[in-house]
N, C-alpha and C. Protein backbone atom coordinates (compact mmCIF):
# COMPACT_ATOMS: atom_id res chain seq x y z
N MET A 1 102.83 107.24 105.07
CA MET A 1 101.93 106.52 106.04
C MET A 1 100.78 107.26 106.18
N ARG A 2 99.93 106.56 106.19
CA ARG A 2 98.57 106.92 106.02
C ARG A 2 97.84 106.98 107.58
N ALA A 3 97.56 108.10 108.32
CA ALA A 3 97.02 108.47 109.51
C ALA A 3 95.18 108.61 109.45
N LEU A 4 94.71 108.02 110.44
CA LEU A 4 92.96 108.40 110.59
C LEU A 4 92.86 109.40 111.97
N LEU A 5 92.81 110.54 111.53
CA LEU A 5 92.39 111.72 112.81
C LEU A 5 91.29 111.77 112.86
N VAL A 6 90.64 111.39 114.11
CA VAL A 6 89.45 111.50 115.06
C VAL A 6 89.11 112.25 115.91
N GLU A 7 88.38 113.75 115.32
CA GLU A 7 88.76 114.24 116.26
C GLU A 7 87.49 115.46 115.96
N ASP A 8 86.09 116.01 117.04
CA ASP A 8 85.51 116.67 116.14
C ASP A 8 85.48 118.00 116.78
N SER A 9 86.52 118.53 117.29
CA SER A 9 87.19 120.15 117.16
C SER A 9 87.71 120.50 116.06
N PRO A 10 87.42 121.65 115.53
CA PRO A 10 88.30 122.26 114.08
C PRO A 10 89.48 122.79 115.03
N ASP A 11 89.17 123.17 115.81
CA ASP A 11 90.56 124.05 116.69
C ASP A 11 91.70 122.83 116.84
N VAL A 12 91.26 121.80 117.35
CA VAL A 12 92.32 120.59 117.43
C VAL A 12 92.38 119.86 115.96
N ALA A 13 91.68 119.41 115.75
CA ALA A 13 92.17 118.61 113.88
C ALA A 13 92.90 119.56 112.99
N GLY A 14 92.51 120.99 113.32
CA GLY A 14 93.20 121.30 112.23
C GLY A 14 94.76 121.34 112.38
N PRO A 15 95.19 122.17 113.67
CA PRO A 15 96.53 122.10 113.57
C PRO A 15 96.72 120.89 113.71
N VAL A 16 96.67 119.81 114.20
CA VAL A 16 96.79 118.53 114.43
C VAL A 16 97.30 117.54 113.17
N ALA A 17 96.14 118.08 112.10
CA ALA A 17 96.49 117.39 110.54
C ALA A 17 97.35 118.31 110.30
N GLN A 18 97.46 119.71 110.08
CA GLN A 18 98.97 120.17 109.47
C GLN A 18 100.02 119.54 109.89
N ALA A 19 100.20 119.05 111.21
CA ALA A 19 101.52 118.62 112.07
C ALA A 19 101.97 117.63 111.51
N LEU A 20 100.98 116.59 111.39
CA LEU A 20 100.89 115.41 110.67
C LEU A 20 101.79 115.52 109.48
N GLY A 21 100.77 116.22 108.38
CA GLY A 21 101.56 116.28 107.03
C GLY A 21 102.64 116.68 106.85
N GLU A 22 103.01 117.65 107.80
CA GLU A 22 104.26 118.05 107.40
C GLU A 22 105.18 117.05 108.04
N ALA A 23 104.90 116.02 109.15
CA ALA A 23 105.65 115.12 109.60
C ALA A 23 105.82 113.66 108.70
N GLY A 24 104.72 113.55 107.56
CA GLY A 24 105.26 112.83 106.29
C GLY A 24 103.87 111.94 106.26
N PHE A 25 103.34 112.44 107.26
CA PHE A 25 101.80 111.35 106.95
C PHE A 25 100.69 112.09 106.11
N VAL A 26 99.97 110.94 105.63
CA VAL A 26 98.99 111.33 104.79
C VAL A 26 97.29 111.28 105.86
N VAL A 27 96.85 112.39 105.62
CA VAL A 27 95.88 112.53 107.00
C VAL A 27 94.18 112.62 106.69
N ASP A 28 93.74 111.18 107.16
CA ASP A 28 92.08 111.34 106.84
C ASP A 28 90.98 112.04 107.96
N ARG A 29 90.87 112.69 107.84
CA ARG A 29 89.92 113.30 109.30
C ARG A 29 88.54 113.00 109.25
N SER A 30 87.82 112.55 110.46
CA SER A 30 86.48 112.55 110.71
C SER A 30 86.37 112.88 111.89
N GLY A 31 84.90 113.70 111.69
CA GLY A 31 84.48 114.11 113.16
C GLY A 31 83.24 113.76 113.89
N ASP A 32 82.84 112.31 113.72
CA ASP A 32 81.84 111.34 114.38
C ASP A 32 82.34 110.23 114.61
N GLY A 33 81.73 109.63 115.55
CA GLY A 33 82.11 108.26 116.14
C GLY A 33 81.77 107.23 114.66
N GLU A 34 80.54 107.53 114.50
CA GLU A 34 80.29 106.56 113.36
C GLU A 34 80.84 106.51 112.38
N ASP A 35 81.22 107.72 111.72
CA ASP A 35 82.00 107.80 110.45
C ASP A 35 83.63 107.08 110.59
N ALA A 36 83.96 107.31 111.40
CA ALA A 36 85.41 106.75 112.26
C ALA A 36 85.25 105.26 112.27
N TRP A 37 84.18 105.06 112.62
CA TRP A 37 84.28 103.41 113.04
C TRP A 37 84.14 102.83 111.60
N PHE A 38 83.24 103.67 110.69
CA PHE A 38 83.42 103.20 109.51
C PHE A 38 84.71 103.27 108.75
N ARG A 39 85.29 104.35 108.59
CA ARG A 39 86.33 104.57 107.92
C ARG A 39 87.65 103.04 108.63
N GLY A 40 87.57 103.06 109.51
CA GLY A 40 88.82 102.02 110.28
C GLY A 40 88.40 101.06 109.94
N ASP A 41 86.68 100.15 109.68
CA ASP A 41 86.50 99.05 109.23
C ASP A 41 86.71 99.21 107.87
N THR A 42 86.53 99.77 107.08
CA THR A 42 87.18 99.55 105.46
C THR A 42 87.81 99.81 105.02
N GLU A 43 89.06 100.86 105.97
CA GLU A 43 90.21 101.28 105.32
C GLU A 43 91.61 100.85 106.02
N ASP A 44 92.44 100.79 104.95
CA ASP A 44 93.71 100.23 106.19
C ASP A 44 94.77 101.50 106.35
N TYR A 45 95.07 101.76 107.94
CA TYR A 45 95.37 103.02 108.52
C TYR A 45 97.10 102.42 109.02
N ASP A 46 97.74 103.17 109.14
CA ASP A 46 98.94 103.03 109.75
C ASP A 46 98.89 103.22 111.22
N VAL A 47 98.20 104.20 111.07
CA VAL A 47 98.07 104.58 112.90
C VAL A 47 96.53 105.61 113.15
N VAL A 48 96.14 105.52 114.00
CA VAL A 48 94.79 106.51 114.10
C VAL A 48 95.17 107.35 115.81
N VAL A 49 94.44 108.66 115.65
CA VAL A 49 94.67 109.30 116.73
C VAL A 49 92.76 108.97 116.93
N LEU A 50 92.66 109.00 118.25
CA LEU A 50 91.11 108.83 118.37
C LEU A 50 90.67 109.86 119.85
N ASP A 51 90.05 110.53 119.56
CA ASP A 51 89.68 111.30 120.37
C ASP A 51 88.33 110.68 121.21
N LEU A 52 87.76 110.90 122.46
CA LEU A 52 87.20 110.05 123.17
C LEU A 52 85.68 110.49 123.00
N GLY A 53 85.79 111.90 123.37
CA GLY A 53 84.34 112.95 123.42
C GLY A 53 83.69 113.33 122.13
N LEU A 54 83.47 112.14 121.48
CA LEU A 54 82.59 111.88 120.21
C LEU A 54 81.15 112.22 119.85
N PRO A 55 80.58 112.83 118.47
CA PRO A 55 79.24 112.95 118.42
C PRO A 55 78.53 111.39 118.12
N LYS A 56 77.74 111.20 118.00
CA LYS A 56 76.90 109.76 117.37
C LYS A 56 77.67 108.40 118.10
N LEU A 57 78.77 108.69 118.47
CA LEU A 57 79.62 107.15 119.00
C LEU A 57 80.60 107.40 119.66
N ASP A 58 80.92 107.29 121.31
CA ASP A 58 82.09 107.34 121.76
C ASP A 58 83.41 106.68 121.24
N GLY A 59 84.39 107.20 121.39
CA GLY A 59 85.58 106.69 121.22
C GLY A 59 86.23 105.35 121.94
N LEU A 60 85.59 105.01 122.89
CA LEU A 60 85.79 103.70 123.21
C LEU A 60 84.97 102.70 122.56
N THR A 61 83.78 103.14 122.52
CA THR A 61 82.96 102.18 121.73
C THR A 61 83.28 101.75 120.32
N VAL A 62 84.23 103.12 119.78
CA VAL A 62 84.53 102.59 118.54
C VAL A 62 86.01 101.86 118.43
N LEU A 63 86.87 102.05 119.18
CA LEU A 63 88.16 100.81 119.88
C LEU A 63 87.76 99.98 119.61
N LYS A 64 86.79 99.51 120.56
CA LYS A 64 86.15 98.02 120.99
C LYS A 64 85.63 97.33 120.03
N ARG A 65 85.04 98.05 118.66
CA ARG A 65 84.40 97.82 117.43
C ARG A 65 85.28 97.46 117.06
N TRP A 66 86.48 98.29 116.43
CA TRP A 66 87.91 97.84 115.59
C TRP A 66 88.15 96.63 115.87
N ARG A 67 88.70 96.47 117.59
CA ARG A 67 89.29 95.41 118.11
C ARG A 67 88.58 94.18 117.76
N GLY A 68 87.18 94.10 117.96
CA GLY A 68 86.36 93.60 117.75
C GLY A 68 86.41 92.78 116.34
N ALA A 69 86.74 93.61 115.19
CA ALA A 69 86.65 93.04 114.09
C ALA A 69 88.15 92.85 113.64
N GLY A 70 89.00 92.69 114.57
CA GLY A 70 90.52 92.39 114.32
C GLY A 70 90.90 93.58 113.11
N ARG A 71 90.59 94.76 113.92
CA ARG A 71 91.69 95.91 112.91
C ARG A 71 92.51 96.21 114.06
N LEU A 72 93.98 95.99 113.80
CA LEU A 72 95.57 95.74 114.50
C LEU A 72 95.56 97.24 114.80
N PHE A 73 95.27 98.00 113.71
CA PHE A 73 96.13 99.10 113.63
C PHE A 73 96.53 100.21 114.82
N PRO A 74 97.89 100.62 115.13
CA PRO A 74 98.10 101.16 116.58
C PRO A 74 96.88 102.37 116.54
N VAL A 75 96.88 102.46 117.91
CA VAL A 75 95.89 103.50 118.16
C VAL A 75 95.98 104.49 119.36
N LEU A 76 96.40 105.79 118.95
CA LEU A 76 96.69 106.83 119.90
C LEU A 76 95.11 107.41 120.56
N ILE A 77 95.29 107.53 121.38
CA ILE A 77 93.72 108.02 122.15
C ILE A 77 94.20 109.53 122.84
N LEU A 78 93.81 110.23 122.24
CA LEU A 78 93.80 111.84 122.52
C LEU A 78 92.31 112.36 123.35
N SER A 79 92.57 112.81 124.53
CA SER A 79 91.31 113.11 125.46
C SER A 79 91.61 114.47 126.41
N ALA A 80 90.79 115.02 126.38
CA ALA A 80 90.58 116.26 127.68
C ALA A 80 90.42 115.43 128.72
N ARG A 81 90.15 114.75 129.12
CA ARG A 81 89.73 113.74 130.24
C ARG A 81 91.36 113.05 130.90
N GLY A 82 92.33 113.15 131.92
CA GLY A 82 93.13 112.47 132.16
C GLY A 82 93.00 111.79 132.95
N ASP A 83 91.94 111.56 133.65
CA ASP A 83 91.83 110.29 134.73
C ASP A 83 92.40 109.02 134.31
N TRP A 84 92.74 108.79 135.26
CA TRP A 84 93.79 107.46 135.32
C TRP A 84 92.88 106.04 134.96
N ILE A 85 91.92 106.33 135.09
CA ILE A 85 90.50 104.89 135.72
C ILE A 85 89.91 105.20 133.80
N GLU A 86 90.19 106.58 133.43
CA GLU A 86 89.55 106.10 132.19
C GLU A 86 91.01 105.71 131.21
N LYS A 87 92.05 106.22 131.17
CA LYS A 87 93.17 105.79 130.74
C LYS A 87 93.37 104.03 130.28
N VAL A 88 93.12 103.72 131.61
CA VAL A 88 93.06 101.50 131.90
C VAL A 88 91.68 101.45 131.07
N GLU A 89 90.73 102.04 130.83
CA GLU A 89 89.83 101.83 130.43
C GLU A 89 89.99 101.68 128.48
N GLY A 90 91.10 102.84 128.20
CA GLY A 90 91.31 102.89 127.03
C GLY A 90 92.24 101.92 126.62
N ILE A 91 93.23 101.28 127.51
CA ILE A 91 94.50 100.71 127.33
C ILE A 91 93.32 99.26 127.10
N GLU A 92 92.50 98.77 128.06
CA GLU A 92 92.07 97.75 128.06
C GLU A 92 91.31 97.49 126.75
N ALA A 93 90.50 98.30 126.51
CA ALA A 93 89.76 98.39 124.68
C ALA A 93 90.93 98.40 123.71
N GLY A 94 92.07 98.40 124.11
CA GLY A 94 92.86 98.14 122.87
C GLY A 94 93.92 99.35 122.27
N ALA A 95 93.76 100.27 122.73
CA ALA A 95 94.64 101.47 122.98
C ALA A 95 95.91 101.05 122.90
N ASP A 96 96.52 101.54 122.28
CA ASP A 96 98.37 101.49 122.18
C ASP A 96 99.01 102.40 123.28
N ASP A 97 98.54 103.67 123.00
CA ASP A 97 98.84 105.03 123.70
C ASP A 97 98.07 105.73 124.03
N TYR A 98 98.27 106.92 125.07
CA TYR A 98 97.38 107.68 125.53
C TYR A 98 97.61 109.39 125.66
N LEU A 99 97.53 110.09 125.25
CA LEU A 99 97.97 111.43 125.45
C LEU A 99 96.76 112.47 125.92
N ALA A 100 97.14 112.77 127.18
CA ALA A 100 96.10 114.25 127.68
C ALA A 100 96.02 115.23 126.84
N LYS A 101 94.95 116.24 126.72
CA LYS A 101 94.68 117.41 126.50
C LYS A 101 95.32 118.51 127.23
N PRO A 102 95.93 119.52 127.30
CA PRO A 102 96.72 120.19 126.14
C PRO A 102 97.50 119.28 125.97
N PHE A 103 98.32 119.32 125.01
CA PHE A 103 99.60 118.46 124.69
C PHE A 103 100.34 119.34 123.50
N GLU A 104 101.82 118.90 123.76
CA GLU A 104 102.47 119.55 122.79
C GLU A 104 102.66 118.93 121.54
N MET A 105 102.65 119.50 120.47
CA MET A 105 102.53 118.93 119.13
C MET A 105 103.94 118.01 118.93
N GLY A 106 105.04 118.45 119.19
CA GLY A 106 105.79 117.48 119.18
C GLY A 106 106.10 116.18 119.48
N GLU A 107 105.29 116.33 120.86
CA GLU A 107 105.04 115.05 121.54
C GLU A 107 104.20 113.98 120.95
N LEU A 108 103.42 114.70 120.51
CA LEU A 108 102.25 113.75 119.86
C LEU A 108 102.84 113.02 118.43
N VAL A 109 103.47 114.08 117.72
CA VAL A 109 104.20 113.54 116.44
C VAL A 109 105.16 112.30 116.53
N ALA A 110 106.00 112.37 117.69
CA ALA A 110 107.12 111.26 118.14
C ALA A 110 106.55 110.54 118.69
N ARG A 111 105.62 110.22 118.95
CA ARG A 111 104.61 109.54 119.74
C ARG A 111 104.14 108.01 118.57
N LEU A 112 103.23 109.01 118.07
CA LEU A 112 102.70 108.30 116.06
C LEU A 112 103.89 107.71 115.82
N LYS A 113 105.04 108.01 115.42
CA LYS A 113 106.09 107.73 114.59
C LYS A 113 106.43 106.53 115.31
N GLY A 114 106.57 106.50 116.82
CA GLY A 114 106.87 105.48 117.52
C GLY A 114 106.04 104.27 117.43
N LEU A 115 104.72 104.36 117.12
CA LEU A 115 103.71 103.52 117.03
C LEU A 115 103.93 102.72 116.00
N VAL A 116 104.19 103.30 114.78
CA VAL A 116 104.23 103.27 113.67
C VAL A 116 105.28 101.75 113.61
N ARG A 117 106.47 102.85 114.12
CA ARG A 117 107.66 101.80 114.13
C ARG A 117 107.39 100.68 114.92
N ARG A 118 106.94 100.83 116.02
CA ARG A 118 106.98 99.14 116.74
C ARG A 118 105.86 98.35 116.36
N ALA A 119 105.31 98.96 115.38
CA ALA A 119 104.10 98.11 114.90
C ALA A 119 104.73 97.06 113.46
N ALA A 120 105.78 97.81 112.93
CA ALA A 120 106.56 97.31 111.89
C ALA A 120 107.73 96.36 112.53
N GLY A 121 107.69 96.20 113.81
CA GLY A 121 108.91 95.61 114.32
C GLY A 121 110.51 96.24 114.58
N ARG A 122 110.25 97.35 114.87
CA ARG A 122 111.80 98.27 114.58
C ARG A 122 111.73 99.42 115.83
N GLY A 123 112.47 98.93 116.61
CA GLY A 123 113.21 100.24 117.32
C GLY A 123 113.66 101.24 117.54
N SER A 124 114.15 101.20 116.41
CA SER A 124 115.37 102.47 116.25
C SER A 124 114.60 103.18 114.75
N SER A 125 115.15 104.30 114.75
CA SER A 125 114.46 105.35 113.96
C SER A 125 115.40 105.24 112.71
N LEU A 126 116.35 104.01 113.13
CA LEU A 126 117.33 103.88 111.33
C LEU A 126 116.83 102.68 110.94
N SER A 127 116.65 102.67 109.61
CA SER A 127 116.58 101.27 108.90
C SER A 127 117.14 101.24 107.54
N ARG A 128 118.38 100.10 107.70
CA ARG A 128 119.14 99.78 106.86
C ARG A 128 118.71 98.62 105.98
N PHE A 129 119.12 99.27 104.18
CA PHE A 129 118.25 98.35 103.30
C PHE A 129 120.20 98.55 102.70
N GLY A 130 121.38 97.62 102.46
CA GLY A 130 122.47 97.89 101.79
C GLY A 130 122.72 98.90 102.03
N ALA A 131 123.00 99.63 100.80
CA ALA A 131 123.82 101.13 101.38
C ALA A 131 123.10 102.25 101.65
N LEU A 132 121.45 102.00 101.55
CA LEU A 132 120.96 102.98 102.06
C LEU A 132 120.43 102.96 103.29
N VAL A 133 120.40 103.89 104.11
CA VAL A 133 119.80 104.49 105.67
C VAL A 133 118.73 105.43 105.66
N LEU A 134 117.66 105.33 105.81
CA LEU A 134 116.21 105.91 106.17
C LEU A 134 116.41 106.01 107.75
N ASP A 135 116.16 107.29 107.84
CA ASP A 135 116.07 108.13 109.08
C ASP A 135 114.86 109.07 109.32
N THR A 136 113.98 108.20 110.02
CA THR A 136 112.50 108.44 109.94
C THR A 136 112.50 109.61 110.70
N ALA A 137 113.09 109.78 112.57
CA ALA A 137 113.32 111.02 112.85
C ALA A 137 113.42 112.41 112.20
N ARG A 138 114.55 111.74 111.34
CA ARG A 138 114.97 113.33 110.71
C ARG A 138 114.04 113.32 109.28
N MET A 139 113.57 112.35 108.62
CA MET A 139 112.86 112.39 107.33
C MET A 139 114.17 112.64 106.60
N ALA A 140 115.33 111.83 106.66
CA ALA A 140 116.07 111.49 105.87
C ALA A 140 116.68 110.62 105.51
N ALA A 141 117.37 110.46 104.48
CA ALA A 141 118.10 109.29 103.61
C ALA A 141 119.31 109.44 103.62
N SER A 142 120.26 108.53 103.15
CA SER A 142 121.57 108.31 102.77
C SER A 142 122.00 107.54 101.89
N VAL A 143 122.83 107.50 100.89
CA VAL A 143 123.47 106.18 100.48
C VAL A 143 125.01 106.59 100.63
N ASN A 144 125.43 105.40 101.23
CA ASN A 144 126.84 105.47 101.36
C ASN A 144 127.49 106.12 102.10
N GLY A 145 126.66 106.68 103.04
CA GLY A 145 126.59 107.91 104.06
C GLY A 145 126.97 109.37 103.48
N THR A 146 126.41 109.55 102.60
CA THR A 146 125.96 110.57 101.42
C THR A 146 124.30 110.98 101.63
N PRO A 147 124.34 111.85 102.17
CA PRO A 147 122.71 112.98 102.16
C PRO A 147 122.09 112.65 101.04
N VAL A 148 121.08 112.03 100.61
CA VAL A 148 120.09 112.14 99.39
C VAL A 148 118.86 113.12 99.75
N ARG A 149 119.15 113.80 98.57
CA ARG A 149 117.71 114.88 98.80
C ARG A 149 116.17 114.12 97.96
N LEU A 150 115.57 114.24 98.95
CA LEU A 150 114.05 113.64 98.80
C LEU A 150 113.13 114.41 98.93
N SER A 151 112.38 114.29 97.67
CA SER A 151 110.69 115.23 97.58
C SER A 151 110.16 114.67 98.86
N PRO A 152 109.13 115.28 99.23
CA PRO A 152 108.25 114.70 100.45
C PRO A 152 107.50 113.23 100.01
N LEU A 153 107.10 113.51 98.41
CA LEU A 153 106.45 112.18 98.12
C LEU A 153 107.26 110.99 97.75
N GLU A 154 108.29 111.50 97.38
CA GLU A 154 109.88 110.12 97.51
C GLU A 154 110.19 109.37 98.79
N TYR A 155 110.24 110.50 100.04
CA TYR A 155 110.39 110.26 101.19
C TYR A 155 109.57 109.11 101.80
N ARG A 156 108.08 109.55 101.50
CA ARG A 156 106.95 108.85 101.85
C ARG A 156 106.97 107.02 101.52
N LEU A 157 107.65 107.12 100.39
CA LEU A 157 107.34 106.18 99.46
C LEU A 157 108.35 105.08 99.92
N LEU A 158 109.15 105.57 99.91
CA LEU A 158 110.79 104.95 100.93
C LEU A 158 110.31 104.48 102.56
N ASN A 159 109.71 105.12 102.97
CA ASN A 159 109.48 105.29 104.55
C ASN A 159 108.36 103.57 104.40
N TYR A 160 107.46 103.83 103.79
CA TYR A 160 106.23 102.82 103.47
C TYR A 160 106.87 101.77 103.20
N LEU A 161 107.64 101.23 102.53
CA LEU A 161 108.44 100.35 101.58
C LEU A 161 109.21 99.64 103.07
N ALA A 162 109.88 100.99 103.73
CA ALA A 162 110.66 100.47 104.74
C ALA A 162 110.24 100.09 105.66
N HIS A 163 108.68 100.37 106.48
CA HIS A 163 108.10 99.50 107.44
C HIS A 163 107.36 98.16 106.93
N HIS A 164 107.28 98.06 105.73
CA HIS A 164 106.65 96.60 105.02
C HIS A 164 107.96 95.87 104.70
N ALA A 165 108.97 95.65 105.00
CA ALA A 165 110.44 95.37 104.77
C ALA A 165 110.21 93.82 104.54
N GLY A 166 110.28 93.39 103.61
CA GLY A 166 110.22 91.72 103.18
C GLY A 166 109.06 91.37 102.60
N ARG A 167 108.05 92.39 102.30
CA ARG A 167 106.87 91.86 101.95
C ARG A 167 106.63 92.97 100.35
N PRO A 168 106.29 92.34 99.68
CA PRO A 168 106.31 93.21 97.93
C PRO A 168 104.72 93.76 98.26
N VAL A 169 104.92 95.08 98.05
CA VAL A 169 103.76 95.99 98.42
C VAL A 169 103.05 96.64 96.78
N SER A 170 102.25 96.45 96.50
CA SER A 170 101.51 96.49 95.03
C SER A 170 101.63 98.16 95.16
N ALA A 171 101.49 98.59 93.67
CA ALA A 171 102.01 99.99 93.35
C ALA A 171 100.31 100.32 93.92
N GLY A 172 99.34 99.51 93.86
CA GLY A 172 98.19 100.50 94.26
C GLY A 172 98.11 100.79 95.50
N GLU A 173 98.53 99.80 96.49
CA GLU A 173 98.33 99.94 98.18
C GLU A 173 99.28 101.06 98.27
N ILE A 174 100.79 101.32 97.57
CA ILE A 174 101.40 102.43 97.67
C ILE A 174 100.84 103.51 97.11
N ALA A 175 100.17 103.83 96.21
CA ALA A 175 99.05 104.93 95.82
C ALA A 175 98.28 105.42 96.96
N GLU A 176 97.73 104.47 97.48
CA GLU A 176 96.32 104.41 98.41
C GLU A 176 97.32 105.44 99.72
N HIS A 177 98.41 104.77 100.17
CA HIS A 177 98.67 105.70 101.21
C HIS A 177 99.87 106.77 101.01
N LEU A 178 100.21 107.03 99.84
CA LEU A 178 100.63 108.28 99.49
C LEU A 178 99.54 109.41 98.87
N TYR A 179 98.63 108.87 98.44
CA TYR A 179 97.76 110.16 98.13
C TYR A 179 96.23 109.79 99.10
N GLY A 180 96.30 108.75 99.76
CA GLY A 180 94.78 108.97 100.85
C GLY A 180 93.88 109.01 100.12
N LEU A 181 92.81 109.45 100.92
CA LEU A 181 91.23 109.30 99.84
C LEU A 181 90.83 110.45 98.91
N ALA A 182 91.76 111.63 99.01
CA ALA A 182 91.45 112.75 98.54
C ALA A 182 92.07 112.94 96.99
N GLU A 183 92.85 111.80 97.06
CA GLU A 183 93.11 112.38 95.06
C GLU A 183 93.19 110.45 94.96
N GLN A 184 93.19 110.64 93.29
CA GLN A 184 92.71 109.35 92.73
C GLN A 184 94.00 108.57 92.67
N ALA A 185 94.13 107.02 93.38
CA ALA A 185 94.70 106.46 93.01
C ALA A 185 95.91 106.42 91.92
N ASP A 186 97.27 106.66 91.86
CA ASP A 186 97.37 106.54 90.07
C ASP A 186 98.71 105.71 90.46
N VAL A 187 98.62 104.52 89.54
CA VAL A 187 99.88 103.61 89.82
C VAL A 187 100.62 103.85 89.08
N ASN A 188 100.33 104.57 87.74
CA ASN A 188 101.60 105.02 86.70
C ASN A 188 102.20 106.36 87.40
N ALA A 189 101.51 107.17 88.11
CA ALA A 189 102.69 108.07 88.97
C ALA A 189 103.12 107.02 90.04
N VAL A 190 103.14 105.89 90.28
CA VAL A 190 104.17 105.38 91.55
C VAL A 190 105.00 104.70 90.97
N GLU A 191 104.98 104.43 89.52
CA GLU A 191 105.80 103.77 89.01
C GLU A 191 106.91 104.65 88.21
N ALA A 192 106.35 105.79 88.44
CA ALA A 192 107.78 107.17 88.13
C ALA A 192 108.33 107.68 88.96
N LEU A 193 107.37 107.57 89.63
CA LEU A 193 108.39 107.86 91.31
C LEU A 193 109.26 106.93 91.41
N VAL A 194 108.91 105.31 91.50
CA VAL A 194 109.48 104.41 91.82
C VAL A 194 111.48 104.98 90.70
N THR A 195 110.87 104.92 89.52
CA THR A 195 111.83 105.10 88.71
C THR A 195 112.91 106.26 89.11
N ARG A 196 112.06 107.39 89.83
CA ARG A 196 112.83 108.62 90.00
C ARG A 196 113.71 108.14 91.18
N LEU A 197 113.14 107.27 92.30
CA LEU A 197 114.22 107.03 93.37
C LEU A 197 114.98 105.78 92.78
N ARG A 198 115.20 105.40 92.07
CA ARG A 198 116.60 104.15 91.96
C ARG A 198 117.84 105.25 91.62
N ARG A 199 116.97 106.64 90.23
CA ARG A 199 118.16 106.82 90.10
C ARG A 199 119.17 108.02 91.55
N LYS A 200 118.35 108.10 92.69
CA LYS A 200 119.02 108.58 93.74
C LYS A 200 119.30 107.71 94.79
N VAL A 201 118.63 106.54 94.74
CA VAL A 201 119.04 105.76 96.10
C VAL A 201 120.45 104.50 95.34
N GLY A 202 119.81 104.02 94.31
CA GLY A 202 120.35 102.81 93.58
C GLY A 202 118.89 102.22 92.49
N ALA A 203 119.50 101.53 91.45
CA ALA A 203 118.69 100.63 90.90
C ALA A 203 118.28 99.54 91.81
N ASP A 204 119.56 98.79 92.40
CA ASP A 204 119.10 97.45 92.82
C ASP A 204 118.73 97.75 94.24
N VAL A 205 118.36 98.97 94.70
CA VAL A 205 118.05 99.32 96.50
C VAL A 205 116.40 98.90 96.38
N ILE A 206 115.81 99.07 95.35
CA ILE A 206 114.34 98.89 95.30
C ILE A 206 113.91 97.72 94.20
N GLU A 207 113.80 96.66 94.71
CA GLU A 207 113.25 95.63 93.87
C GLU A 207 112.04 95.50 93.22
N THR A 208 111.58 94.94 92.16
CA THR A 208 110.13 94.43 91.46
C THR A 208 109.91 93.33 91.79
N ARG A 209 109.05 92.90 92.45
CA ARG A 209 108.51 91.33 92.51
C ARG A 209 107.18 91.36 91.19
N ARG A 210 107.58 90.95 90.04
CA ARG A 210 106.12 90.83 88.88
C ARG A 210 104.98 90.31 89.56
N GLY A 211 104.32 91.03 89.46
CA GLY A 211 102.82 90.48 90.13
C GLY A 211 102.60 90.58 91.24
N PHE A 212 103.40 91.23 91.80
CA PHE A 212 103.10 91.42 93.53
C PHE A 212 103.57 93.25 93.84
N GLY A 213 104.50 93.66 93.41
CA GLY A 213 105.14 95.10 93.73
C GLY A 213 106.63 95.05 94.34
N TYR A 214 106.60 96.33 94.94
CA TYR A 214 108.05 96.85 95.30
C TYR A 214 108.24 96.15 96.58
N LEU A 215 109.90 96.25 97.21
CA LEU A 215 110.04 96.00 98.50
C LEU A 215 111.84 96.43 98.34
N LEU A 216 112.44 96.85 99.39
CA LEU A 216 113.23 97.51 99.62
C LEU A 216 114.14 96.20 99.68
N ALA A 217 115.82 95.96 98.99
CA ALA A 217 116.45 95.13 98.98
C ALA A 217 117.60 95.13 100.07
N GLY A 218 117.83 94.29 100.54
CA GLY A 218 118.76 94.01 101.45
C GLY A 218 118.62 94.42 103.02
N GLY A 219 117.46 94.68 103.42
CA GLY A 219 116.87 94.89 104.85
C GLY A 219 117.75 94.26 106.16
N ALA A 220 118.27 94.97 107.04
CA ALA A 220 118.95 94.71 108.39
C ALA A 220 118.55 94.40 109.78
């Protein structure tokens, strides 16, 4: 999953980015409103953490511009101000959740996973695709009840496909969400990753739709 973290305080952004990375997210960071608005308007994110008190352009204005442009990714507002009026303004502007500082990192990660899950139309952390079961809460997978050892990249690929069940996802899109902007999107690396995963979860679990991409078979 690819996340945009919009926070101007390095003391907050650093630990949050680390926690999200450990939770399986690929994180792009932005420190001001103008840059954040541009990134959200031109890049595809699975979820956004948005601080309100930003330089150049405040967070509410950024959010309103995104929603006005039809950008529908889930947004969690992060702010030092916990006033209920501000919360209402954020929700009315299009936010999906609100967390006031200071906060517990575990709660932030859990809320973001929940937002991504609900955006994909899933109410549970368990996703079933034939013999494969993916547990996004534990970042784990099993086949016919037997746990499967996955590398972080392998898990993230399965997780991304699971959240786009029924839609073939191109290798280029997968690469972008696995590696983010920091690395060159490598389609060949994605194909090699899919080959390794098929050995672990079964060749029939990950389908190839020629000319379109990959998808998980047998979604429940």
